[in-house]
């Protein structure tokens, strides 16, 4: 419970059953872009989907970094999330808008 405020500040996650074939972990993403506000500025939302199709729990670090474009991304070091994905489930993680590139790393 002590990590809940941190999760609320940097993103949120949900979990659902995985229904595909067994195999290695799958990292996928969905990006949505829409006009927002009176000035019609574009807003982007990225959700990363980490699927664990195996019968064993997946413990990994989701390491995300900025795209490298613009002043704002130079000042953002990126986000790191420690994930525990139960067997045969998919976890969805909402990223910070500055994060673009993500990879799954083993827990050290």
N, C-alpha and C. Protein backbone atom coordinates (compact mmCIF):
# COMPACT_ATOMS: atom_id res chain seq x y z
N UNK A 1 0.81 -1.19 0.00
CA UNK A 1 0.00 0.00 0.00
C UNK A 1 0.85 1.26 0.00
N UNK A 2 2.12 1.14 0.44
CA UNK A 2 2.95 2.34 0.50
C UNK A 2 3.35 2.83 -0.89
N UNK A 3 3.21 2.02 -1.97
CA UNK A 3 3.57 2.43 -3.31
C UNK A 3 2.39 2.98 -4.10
N UNK A 4 1.20 2.96 -3.55
CA UNK A 4 0.01 3.42 -4.25
C UNK A 4 0.11 4.88 -4.67
N UNK A 5 0.54 5.83 -3.83
CA UNK A 5 0.64 7.22 -4.30
C UNK A 5 1.60 7.37 -5.47
N UNK A 6 2.70 6.63 -5.50
CA UNK A 6 3.64 6.71 -6.61
C UNK A 6 2.98 6.23 -7.90
N UNK A 7 2.22 5.15 -7.84
CA UNK A 7 1.53 4.64 -9.01
C UNK A 7 0.51 5.65 -9.51
N UNK A 8 -0.17 6.33 -8.61
CA UNK A 8 -1.16 7.30 -9.03
C UNK A 8 -0.53 8.52 -9.68
N UNK A 9 0.71 8.85 -9.32
CA UNK A 9 1.37 10.01 -9.89
C UNK A 9 1.96 9.73 -11.27
N UNK A 10 2.48 8.54 -11.49
CA UNK A 10 3.17 8.26 -12.74
C UNK A 10 2.35 7.46 -13.74
N UNK A 11 1.27 6.87 -13.36
CA UNK A 11 0.46 6.10 -14.29
C UNK A 11 -0.49 5.19 -13.56
N UNK A 12 -1.20 4.38 -14.31
CA UNK A 12 -2.09 3.42 -13.70
C UNK A 12 -2.04 2.13 -14.49
N UNK A 13 -2.48 1.06 -13.88
CA UNK A 13 -2.40 -0.24 -14.53
C UNK A 13 -3.66 -1.04 -14.24
N UNK A 14 -4.06 -1.86 -15.21
CA UNK A 14 -5.16 -2.80 -15.03
C UNK A 14 -4.71 -4.15 -15.56
N UNK A 15 -5.39 -5.20 -15.15
CA UNK A 15 -5.05 -6.55 -15.56
C UNK A 15 -6.29 -7.26 -16.10
N UNK A 16 -6.09 -8.08 -17.14
CA UNK A 16 -7.18 -8.90 -17.69
C UNK A 16 -6.63 -10.26 -18.08
N UNK A 17 -7.49 -11.27 -18.22
CA UNK A 17 -7.01 -12.61 -18.61
C UNK A 17 -6.42 -12.59 -20.03
N UNK A 18 -5.38 -13.39 -20.22
CA UNK A 18 -4.76 -13.57 -21.54
C UNK A 18 -5.40 -14.79 -22.18
N UNK A 19 -5.86 -14.67 -23.42
CA UNK A 19 -6.58 -15.77 -24.07
C UNK A 19 -5.85 -16.34 -25.27
N UNK A 20 -4.64 -15.87 -25.56
CA UNK A 20 -3.89 -16.35 -26.73
C UNK A 20 -3.10 -17.61 -26.45
N UNK A 21 -2.27 -18.01 -27.41
CA UNK A 21 -1.46 -19.21 -27.26
C UNK A 21 -0.31 -19.00 -26.27
N UNK A 22 0.22 -20.07 -25.67
CA UNK A 22 1.36 -19.93 -24.76
C UNK A 22 2.61 -19.50 -25.52
N UNK A 23 3.54 -18.88 -24.79
CA UNK A 23 4.77 -18.43 -25.42
C UNK A 23 5.53 -17.45 -24.53
N UNK A 24 6.48 -16.73 -25.12
CA UNK A 24 7.27 -15.76 -24.35
C UNK A 24 6.45 -14.49 -24.07
N UNK A 25 6.92 -13.62 -23.16
CA UNK A 25 6.20 -12.37 -22.87
C UNK A 25 6.04 -11.52 -24.14
N UNK A 26 4.93 -10.82 -24.20
CA UNK A 26 4.60 -9.98 -25.36
C UNK A 26 4.48 -8.54 -24.88
N UNK A 27 5.17 -7.61 -25.54
CA UNK A 27 5.10 -6.18 -25.24
C UNK A 27 4.49 -5.48 -26.44
N UNK A 28 3.36 -4.82 -26.23
CA UNK A 28 2.64 -4.13 -27.30
C UNK A 28 2.15 -2.80 -26.74
N UNK A 29 1.68 -1.91 -27.58
CA UNK A 29 1.19 -0.61 -27.11
C UNK A 29 0.06 -0.11 -28.00
N UNK A 30 -0.77 0.74 -27.41
CA UNK A 30 -1.83 1.44 -28.12
C UNK A 30 -1.64 2.92 -27.86
N UNK A 31 -1.65 3.71 -28.93
CA UNK A 31 -1.49 5.16 -28.77
C UNK A 31 -2.71 5.85 -29.34
N UNK A 32 -3.24 6.80 -28.58
CA UNK A 32 -4.39 7.59 -29.03
C UNK A 32 -3.97 9.05 -29.06
N UNK A 33 -4.38 9.76 -30.13
CA UNK A 33 -4.09 11.19 -30.26
C UNK A 33 -5.42 11.88 -30.56
N UNK A 34 -5.70 12.97 -29.85
CA UNK A 34 -6.93 13.71 -30.08
C UNK A 34 -6.71 15.19 -29.80
N UNK A 35 -7.61 16.02 -30.34
CA UNK A 35 -7.56 17.46 -30.08
C UNK A 35 -8.13 17.73 -28.70
N UNK A 36 -7.50 18.65 -27.97
CA UNK A 36 -7.91 18.90 -26.59
C UNK A 36 -7.92 20.39 -26.31
N UNK A 37 -8.94 20.85 -25.64
CA UNK A 37 -9.00 22.24 -25.19
C UNK A 37 -9.47 23.21 -26.26
N UNK A 38 -9.58 24.46 -25.84
CA UNK A 38 -10.07 25.52 -26.73
C UNK A 38 -9.09 25.78 -27.86
N UNK A 39 -7.79 25.70 -27.57
CA UNK A 39 -6.78 25.97 -28.60
C UNK A 39 -6.56 24.80 -29.56
N UNK A 40 -7.20 23.67 -29.32
CA UNK A 40 -7.12 22.53 -30.22
C UNK A 40 -5.76 21.85 -30.28
N UNK A 41 -5.03 21.88 -29.17
CA UNK A 41 -3.72 21.22 -29.13
C UNK A 41 -3.90 19.71 -29.13
N UNK A 42 -2.95 19.01 -29.74
CA UNK A 42 -3.00 17.56 -29.76
C UNK A 42 -2.59 17.00 -28.40
N UNK A 43 -3.28 16.00 -27.96
CA UNK A 43 -2.96 15.31 -26.71
C UNK A 43 -2.74 13.85 -27.06
N UNK A 44 -1.72 13.24 -26.44
CA UNK A 44 -1.37 11.86 -26.73
C UNK A 44 -1.45 11.02 -25.46
N UNK A 45 -1.99 9.81 -25.61
CA UNK A 45 -2.07 8.86 -24.51
C UNK A 45 -1.54 7.52 -25.01
N UNK A 46 -0.58 6.95 -24.27
CA UNK A 46 0.00 5.66 -24.66
C UNK A 46 -0.23 4.65 -23.55
N UNK A 47 -0.77 3.51 -23.93
CA UNK A 47 -0.99 2.40 -23.00
C UNK A 47 -0.15 1.22 -23.49
N UNK A 48 0.75 0.73 -22.61
CA UNK A 48 1.58 -0.43 -22.93
C UNK A 48 0.89 -1.67 -22.40
N UNK A 49 0.85 -2.72 -23.22
CA UNK A 49 0.23 -3.99 -22.87
C UNK A 49 1.33 -5.03 -22.70
N UNK A 50 1.49 -5.56 -21.48
CA UNK A 50 2.48 -6.60 -21.20
C UNK A 50 1.71 -7.89 -20.96
N UNK A 51 1.87 -8.85 -21.88
CA UNK A 51 1.16 -10.12 -21.78
C UNK A 51 2.10 -11.21 -21.30
N UNK A 52 1.60 -12.02 -20.37
CA UNK A 52 2.35 -13.17 -19.88
C UNK A 52 1.59 -14.43 -20.29
N UNK A 53 1.94 -15.01 -21.46
CA UNK A 53 1.21 -16.19 -21.92
C UNK A 53 1.67 -17.50 -21.30
N UNK A 54 2.65 -17.46 -20.42
CA UNK A 54 3.16 -18.71 -19.82
C UNK A 54 2.38 -19.06 -18.55
N UNK A 55 2.71 -20.21 -17.98
CA UNK A 55 2.05 -20.69 -16.76
C UNK A 55 2.81 -20.27 -15.50
N UNK A 56 3.88 -19.49 -15.63
CA UNK A 56 4.65 -19.01 -14.47
C UNK A 56 4.53 -17.50 -14.38
N UNK A 57 4.58 -16.92 -13.18
CA UNK A 57 4.51 -15.46 -13.03
C UNK A 57 5.68 -14.78 -13.73
N UNK A 58 5.43 -13.59 -14.23
CA UNK A 58 6.46 -12.78 -14.89
C UNK A 58 6.82 -11.60 -14.00
N UNK A 59 8.07 -11.53 -13.57
CA UNK A 59 8.58 -10.38 -12.84
C UNK A 59 9.60 -9.69 -13.75
N UNK A 60 9.34 -8.43 -14.08
CA UNK A 60 10.21 -7.71 -15.01
C UNK A 60 10.15 -6.22 -14.70
N UNK A 61 11.07 -5.49 -15.30
CA UNK A 61 11.09 -4.04 -15.19
C UNK A 61 10.70 -3.49 -16.56
N UNK A 62 9.70 -2.62 -16.58
CA UNK A 62 9.31 -1.93 -17.81
C UNK A 62 10.08 -0.62 -17.82
N UNK A 63 11.06 -0.52 -18.70
CA UNK A 63 11.93 0.65 -18.77
C UNK A 63 11.52 1.48 -19.98
N UNK A 64 11.05 2.70 -19.73
CA UNK A 64 10.59 3.59 -20.81
C UNK A 64 11.45 4.85 -20.84
N UNK A 65 11.67 5.35 -22.03
CA UNK A 65 12.48 6.54 -22.19
C UNK A 65 11.82 7.48 -23.19
N UNK A 66 12.22 8.75 -23.20
CA UNK A 66 11.63 9.71 -24.14
C UNK A 66 12.11 9.46 -25.56
N UNK A 67 11.43 10.08 -26.49
CA UNK A 67 11.76 9.89 -27.90
C UNK A 67 13.03 10.61 -28.31
N UNK A 68 13.49 11.59 -27.55
CA UNK A 68 14.69 12.33 -27.90
C UNK A 68 14.42 13.57 -28.72
N UNK A 69 13.17 13.92 -28.91
CA UNK A 69 12.83 15.12 -29.68
C UNK A 69 12.35 16.21 -28.75
N UNK A 70 12.88 17.40 -28.93
CA UNK A 70 12.40 18.56 -28.19
C UNK A 70 13.06 18.76 -26.84
N UNK A 71 12.93 19.95 -26.31
CA UNK A 71 13.56 20.34 -25.05
C UNK A 71 13.01 19.55 -23.87
N UNK A 72 11.70 19.32 -23.87
CA UNK A 72 11.07 18.65 -22.74
C UNK A 72 11.60 17.22 -22.57
N UNK A 73 11.81 16.50 -23.66
CA UNK A 73 12.28 15.13 -23.55
C UNK A 73 13.71 15.05 -23.05
N UNK A 74 14.52 16.08 -23.29
CA UNK A 74 15.90 16.10 -22.80
C UNK A 74 15.94 16.19 -21.28
N UNK A 75 14.92 16.78 -20.68
CA UNK A 75 14.87 16.95 -19.23
C UNK A 75 14.14 15.80 -18.54
N UNK A 76 13.63 14.84 -19.28
CA UNK A 76 12.87 13.73 -18.70
C UNK A 76 13.70 12.46 -18.79
N UNK A 77 14.12 11.88 -17.67
CA UNK A 77 14.97 10.69 -17.72
C UNK A 77 14.23 9.42 -18.13
N UNK A 78 12.92 9.43 -18.06
CA UNK A 78 12.14 8.24 -18.39
C UNK A 78 11.56 7.60 -17.14
N UNK A 79 10.68 6.64 -17.35
CA UNK A 79 10.00 5.96 -16.25
C UNK A 79 10.44 4.51 -16.19
N UNK A 80 10.49 3.96 -14.98
CA UNK A 80 10.77 2.54 -14.77
C UNK A 80 9.72 1.99 -13.83
N UNK A 81 9.09 0.89 -14.24
CA UNK A 81 8.06 0.25 -13.44
C UNK A 81 8.48 -1.20 -13.19
N UNK A 82 8.37 -1.65 -11.96
CA UNK A 82 8.56 -3.06 -11.66
C UNK A 82 7.19 -3.72 -11.79
N UNK A 83 7.10 -4.71 -12.66
CA UNK A 83 5.83 -5.36 -12.93
C UNK A 83 5.83 -6.79 -12.41
N UNK A 84 4.71 -7.20 -11.88
CA UNK A 84 4.45 -8.60 -11.56
C UNK A 84 3.19 -8.97 -12.33
N UNK A 85 3.36 -9.75 -13.37
CA UNK A 85 2.24 -10.15 -14.21
C UNK A 85 1.94 -11.61 -13.92
N UNK A 86 0.77 -11.92 -13.35
CA UNK A 86 0.41 -13.31 -13.04
C UNK A 86 0.35 -14.16 -14.31
N UNK A 87 0.39 -15.48 -14.17
CA UNK A 87 0.31 -16.37 -15.33
C UNK A 87 -0.97 -16.14 -16.14
N UNK A 88 -0.82 -16.20 -17.47
CA UNK A 88 -1.95 -16.10 -18.41
C UNK A 88 -2.78 -14.83 -18.23
N UNK A 89 -2.09 -13.70 -17.99
CA UNK A 89 -2.79 -12.41 -17.88
C UNK A 89 -2.05 -11.35 -18.72
N UNK A 90 -2.75 -10.27 -18.97
CA UNK A 90 -2.19 -9.10 -19.65
C UNK A 90 -2.34 -7.91 -18.72
N UNK A 91 -1.27 -7.16 -18.55
CA UNK A 91 -1.32 -5.96 -17.72
C UNK A 91 -1.19 -4.75 -18.64
N UNK A 92 -2.05 -3.74 -18.42
CA UNK A 92 -2.06 -2.52 -19.21
C UNK A 92 -1.53 -1.39 -18.34
N UNK A 93 -0.53 -0.66 -18.83
CA UNK A 93 0.10 0.41 -18.06
C UNK A 93 -0.02 1.71 -18.85
N UNK A 94 -0.63 2.74 -18.24
CA UNK A 94 -0.73 4.06 -18.85
C UNK A 94 0.58 4.79 -18.60
N UNK A 95 1.23 5.23 -19.68
CA UNK A 95 2.53 5.89 -19.57
C UNK A 95 2.41 7.39 -19.42
N UNK A 96 3.47 7.99 -18.92
CA UNK A 96 3.61 9.43 -18.93
C UNK A 96 3.69 9.88 -20.39
N UNK A 97 3.09 11.01 -20.77
CA UNK A 97 3.12 11.43 -22.17
C UNK A 97 4.52 11.62 -22.75
N UNK A 98 5.53 11.82 -21.91
CA UNK A 98 6.89 12.03 -22.42
C UNK A 98 7.59 10.72 -22.77
N UNK A 99 7.09 9.58 -22.27
CA UNK A 99 7.71 8.29 -22.54
C UNK A 99 7.27 7.77 -23.91
N UNK A 100 8.22 7.24 -24.67
CA UNK A 100 7.91 6.73 -26.01
C UNK A 100 8.42 5.32 -26.24
N UNK A 101 9.65 5.04 -25.85
CA UNK A 101 10.29 3.76 -26.14
C UNK A 101 10.34 2.92 -24.87
N UNK A 102 9.81 1.70 -24.92
CA UNK A 102 9.76 0.86 -23.73
C UNK A 102 10.37 -0.51 -24.04
N UNK A 103 10.95 -1.11 -23.01
CA UNK A 103 11.53 -2.45 -23.12
C UNK A 103 11.32 -3.18 -21.81
N UNK A 104 11.21 -4.51 -21.88
CA UNK A 104 11.12 -5.35 -20.70
C UNK A 104 12.52 -5.82 -20.31
N UNK A 105 12.92 -5.57 -19.08
CA UNK A 105 14.23 -5.97 -18.58
C UNK A 105 14.04 -6.96 -17.44
N UNK A 106 14.96 -7.90 -17.24
CA UNK A 106 14.83 -8.82 -16.10
C UNK A 106 15.04 -8.08 -14.78
N UNK A 107 14.38 -8.58 -13.75
CA UNK A 107 14.55 -7.99 -12.41
C UNK A 107 15.90 -8.42 -11.89
N UNK A 108 16.66 -7.46 -11.38
CA UNK A 108 18.00 -7.77 -10.86
C UNK A 108 17.97 -8.00 -9.39
